[in-house]
């Protein structure tokens, strides 16, 4: 009986070692919380940028920004999106690096590179497509495109990290499809996907893996 128990324990240890070598397990739950908070702050800022321009400009925004008078609004939204993205990525990188350091694990592993590669590749395509939509003054679809491509990026990256991230991926894709149907509420769906659900996911991951 003892030999059997020891054998099962050895198998469990070997399995854990193989998983650690093939998956990026240093992704911090707090990075999800930080990204969610940053996204909500960015969404609030973007919302007040639009409303501060007056009712006429806001109505034009809801109709797809067909007026050249709203160029400053589009630029403001673009700058806000860039700042949110850079801040979220930086915080995720730092918090995950800190988690790896605390557990004496290597951070930049082959699995981590695969996660980064999948995210960068798919998000780059989504980002370019979003810029094309903005160029053609079809900004109401941008939130839908961003959510869908982000969900697809997470789904691809989930092969090399915790599988739990799949749930967030499916949520983002679902919200993106809804944002494509209810065009006037794109900012709300964007806030839910990148903000609220990121925070919920981050807290659950922290409680499950980081404590």
Protein backbone atom coordinates (compact mmCIF):
# COMPACT_ATOMS: atom_id res chain seq x y z
CA UNK A 1 0.00 0.00 0.00
CA UNK A 2 2.84 2.36 0.86
CA UNK A 3 4.60 1.67 -2.42
CA UNK A 4 1.38 2.39 -4.30
CA UNK A 5 0.90 5.69 -2.46
CA UNK A 6 4.48 6.72 -3.15
CA UNK A 7 4.09 5.82 -6.81
CA UNK A 8 0.95 7.95 -7.11
CA UNK A 9 2.74 10.82 -5.39
CA UNK A 10 5.68 10.49 -7.80
CA UNK A 11 3.30 10.53 -10.76
CA UNK A 12 1.63 13.65 -9.38
CA UNK A 13 4.99 15.41 -8.98
CA UNK A 14 6.08 14.44 -12.50
CA UNK A 15 2.76 15.69 -13.88
CA UNK A 16 3.18 19.02 -12.08
CA UNK A 17 6.73 19.38 -13.43
CA UNK A 18 5.58 18.69 -16.98
CA UNK A 19 2.74 21.19 -16.62
CA UNK A 20 5.08 23.86 -15.28
CA UNK A 21 7.46 23.34 -18.20
CA UNK A 22 4.73 23.50 -20.86
CA UNK A 23 2.41 26.16 -19.39
CA UNK A 24 2.82 29.74 -18.21
CA UNK A 25 1.55 29.57 -14.63
CA UNK A 26 2.86 32.91 -13.35
CA UNK A 27 -0.07 34.90 -14.70
CA UNK A 28 -1.22 36.92 -11.71
CA UNK A 29 -4.89 37.23 -10.77
CA UNK A 30 -4.14 40.74 -9.56
CA UNK A 31 -3.11 41.65 -13.11
CA UNK A 32 -6.70 40.99 -14.18
CA UNK A 33 -8.02 43.21 -11.41
CA UNK A 34 -5.58 45.99 -12.32
CA UNK A 35 -6.44 45.76 -16.03
CA UNK A 36 -10.15 45.90 -15.20
CA UNK A 37 -9.80 48.99 -13.03
CA UNK A 38 -7.68 50.73 -15.68
CA UNK A 39 -10.25 49.87 -18.36
CA UNK A 40 -13.13 51.28 -16.29
CA UNK A 41 -11.20 54.51 -15.69
CA UNK A 42 -10.46 54.76 -19.41
CA UNK A 43 -14.10 54.10 -20.32
CA UNK A 44 -15.27 56.79 -17.88
CA UNK A 45 -12.79 59.26 -19.36
CA UNK A 46 -13.87 58.44 -22.92
CA UNK A 47 -17.53 58.77 -21.96
CA UNK A 48 -17.03 62.25 -20.57
CA UNK A 49 -14.95 63.26 -23.59
CA UNK A 50 -17.98 62.54 -25.78
CA UNK A 51 -20.58 64.11 -23.52
CA UNK A 52 -18.48 67.21 -22.93
CA UNK A 53 -18.73 68.09 -26.62
CA UNK A 54 -22.47 68.75 -26.39
CA UNK A 55 -25.64 67.03 -27.52
CA UNK A 56 -25.11 67.49 -31.25
CA UNK A 57 -21.69 65.87 -31.26
CA UNK A 58 -22.95 63.05 -29.03
CA UNK A 59 -25.79 62.35 -31.49
CA UNK A 60 -23.30 62.35 -34.35
CA UNK A 61 -21.19 59.84 -32.41
CA UNK A 62 -24.23 57.58 -32.03
CA UNK A 63 -24.79 57.79 -35.79
CA UNK A 64 -21.23 56.76 -36.56
CA UNK A 65 -19.26 60.02 -36.41
CA UNK A 66 -20.07 61.20 -39.92
CA UNK A 67 -19.03 64.81 -39.27
CA UNK A 68 -15.51 66.24 -39.51
CA UNK A 69 -16.35 68.30 -36.41
CA UNK A 70 -15.86 65.17 -34.34
CA UNK A 71 -12.24 64.59 -35.36
CA UNK A 72 -11.04 65.70 -31.91
CA UNK A 73 -13.45 63.21 -30.33
CA UNK A 74 -12.02 60.35 -32.40
CA UNK A 75 -8.48 61.39 -31.55
CA UNK A 76 -9.38 61.60 -27.87
CA UNK A 77 -10.88 58.11 -27.97
CA UNK A 78 -7.81 56.76 -29.78
CA UNK A 79 -5.35 58.28 -27.31
CA UNK A 80 -7.44 57.02 -24.39
CA UNK A 81 -7.48 53.48 -25.85
CA UNK A 82 -3.68 53.51 -26.33
CA UNK A 83 -3.07 54.72 -22.77
CA UNK A 84 -5.43 52.08 -21.35
CA UNK A 85 -3.79 49.31 -23.38
CA UNK A 86 -0.22 50.26 -22.45
CA UNK A 87 -1.11 50.70 -18.77
CA UNK A 88 -2.96 47.37 -18.61
CA UNK A 89 -0.15 45.44 -20.33
CA UNK A 90 2.50 47.06 -18.13
CA UNK A 91 0.61 46.26 -14.92
CA UNK A 92 -0.05 42.65 -16.04
CA UNK A 93 3.62 42.17 -16.91
CA UNK A 94 4.85 43.58 -13.62
CA UNK A 95 2.40 41.73 -11.37
CA UNK A 96 3.01 38.41 -13.13
CA UNK A 97 6.78 38.95 -12.95
CA UNK A 98 6.44 39.67 -9.22
CA UNK A 99 4.41 36.48 -8.73
CA UNK A 100 7.07 34.43 -10.51
CA UNK A 101 9.83 36.03 -8.46
CA UNK A 102 8.05 35.31 -5.17
CA UNK A 103 7.62 31.64 -6.08
CA UNK A 104 11.23 31.41 -7.34
CA UNK A 105 9.97 30.45 -10.80
CA UNK A 106 11.36 31.53 -14.15
CA UNK A 107 9.16 34.19 -15.71
CA UNK A 108 10.16 34.39 -19.40
CA UNK A 109 9.72 30.72 -20.28
CA UNK A 110 8.96 29.19 -23.70
CA UNK A 111 5.31 28.93 -22.61
CA UNK A 112 5.29 32.63 -21.67
CA UNK A 113 6.66 33.49 -25.11
CA UNK A 114 3.90 31.44 -26.76
CA UNK A 115 1.26 33.24 -24.68
CA UNK A 116 2.71 36.62 -25.65
CA UNK A 117 3.02 35.63 -29.32
CA UNK A 118 -0.60 34.50 -29.57
CA UNK A 119 -1.86 37.62 -27.83
CA UNK A 120 0.26 40.03 -29.88
CA UNK A 121 -0.55 38.39 -33.21
CA UNK A 122 -4.34 38.30 -32.84
CA UNK A 123 -4.62 41.63 -31.00
CA UNK A 124 -2.53 43.31 -33.71
CA UNK A 125 -4.96 42.14 -36.38
CA UNK A 126 -7.88 43.34 -34.27
CA UNK A 127 -6.16 46.68 -33.66
CA UNK A 128 -5.53 47.26 -37.37
CA UNK A 129 -9.12 46.32 -38.20
CA UNK A 130 -10.35 48.77 -35.54
CA UNK A 131 -8.25 51.55 -37.09
CA UNK A 132 -9.74 50.74 -40.50
CA UNK A 133 -13.22 51.11 -39.01
CA UNK A 134 -12.27 54.45 -37.45
CA UNK A 135 -10.80 55.60 -40.77
CA UNK A 136 -14.09 54.83 -42.50
CA UNK A 137 -15.99 56.57 -39.67
CA UNK A 138 -17.61 53.33 -38.55
CA UNK A 139 -16.62 53.72 -34.93
CA UNK A 140 -19.72 52.11 -33.48
CA UNK A 141 -18.39 48.68 -34.46
CA UNK A 142 -15.00 49.21 -32.83
CA UNK A 143 -16.08 47.98 -29.39
CA UNK A 144 -17.49 44.80 -30.92
CA UNK A 145 -14.32 44.12 -32.92
CA UNK A 146 -12.03 44.76 -29.95
CA UNK A 147 -13.98 42.43 -27.66
CA UNK A 148 -14.22 39.62 -30.22
CA UNK A 149 -10.54 39.72 -31.18
CA UNK A 150 -9.50 39.95 -27.54
CA UNK A 151 -11.63 36.91 -26.73
CA UNK A 152 -10.07 34.99 -29.63
CA UNK A 153 -6.59 35.99 -28.46
CA UNK A 154 -7.33 34.73 -24.95
CA UNK A 155 -8.75 31.50 -26.35
CA UNK A 156 -5.55 30.85 -28.31
CA UNK A 157 -3.32 31.79 -25.37
CA UNK A 158 -5.26 29.51 -23.00
CA UNK A 159 -3.45 26.52 -24.52
CA UNK A 160 -0.27 27.68 -22.80
CA UNK A 161 -1.56 28.97 -19.46
CA UNK A 162 -4.37 28.28 -16.95
CA UNK A 163 -7.38 26.83 -18.74
CA UNK A 164 -9.65 29.02 -16.61
CA UNK A 165 -8.90 31.89 -18.96
CA UNK A 166 -11.18 30.20 -21.51
CA UNK A 167 -14.21 31.33 -19.52
CA UNK A 168 -13.10 34.94 -19.82
CA UNK A 169 -12.43 34.40 -23.53
CA UNK A 170 -15.96 33.10 -24.20
CA UNK A 171 -17.41 35.98 -22.18
CA UNK A 172 -15.48 38.56 -24.20
CA UNK A 173 -16.57 37.01 -27.50
CA UNK A 174 -20.20 36.91 -26.37
CA UNK A 175 -20.12 40.55 -25.27
CA UNK A 176 -18.48 41.47 -28.57
CA UNK A 177 -21.30 39.86 -30.54
CA UNK A 178 -23.89 41.69 -28.43
CA UNK A 179 -22.02 44.96 -28.96
CA UNK A 180 -22.28 44.33 -32.71
CA UNK A 181 -26.05 44.03 -32.39
CA UNK A 182 -26.71 46.89 -29.95
CA UNK A 183 -24.42 49.45 -31.58
CA UNK A 184 -25.41 52.39 -29.41
CA UNK A 185 -24.25 50.59 -26.26
CA UNK A 186 -20.76 49.66 -27.43
CA UNK A 187 -19.02 51.56 -24.65
CA UNK A 188 -21.14 49.78 -22.04
CA UNK A 189 -20.28 46.33 -23.42
CA UNK A 190 -16.62 47.40 -23.69
CA UNK A 191 -16.68 48.46 -20.02
CA UNK A 192 -18.24 45.15 -19.00
CA UNK A 193 -15.77 43.05 -20.98
CA UNK A 194 -12.51 44.84 -20.30
CA UNK A 195 -13.53 46.24 -16.93
CA UNK A 196 -16.08 44.39 -14.82
CA UNK A 197 -15.47 40.83 -16.02
CA UNK A 198 -11.72 41.34 -15.92
CA UNK A 199 -12.01 42.26 -12.25
CA UNK A 200 -14.28 39.27 -11.51
CA UNK A 201 -11.89 36.93 -13.36
CA UNK A 202 -8.84 38.43 -11.63
CA UNK A 203 -10.34 38.03 -8.15
CA UNK A 204 -11.35 34.40 -8.83
CA UNK A 205 -7.87 33.59 -10.18
CA UNK A 206 -6.23 35.27 -7.20
CA UNK A 207 -8.32 33.28 -4.73
CA UNK A 208 -7.71 30.03 -6.61
CA UNK A 209 -4.00 30.26 -7.47
CA UNK A 210 -2.25 33.23 -5.83
CA UNK A 211 -3.10 33.07 -2.14
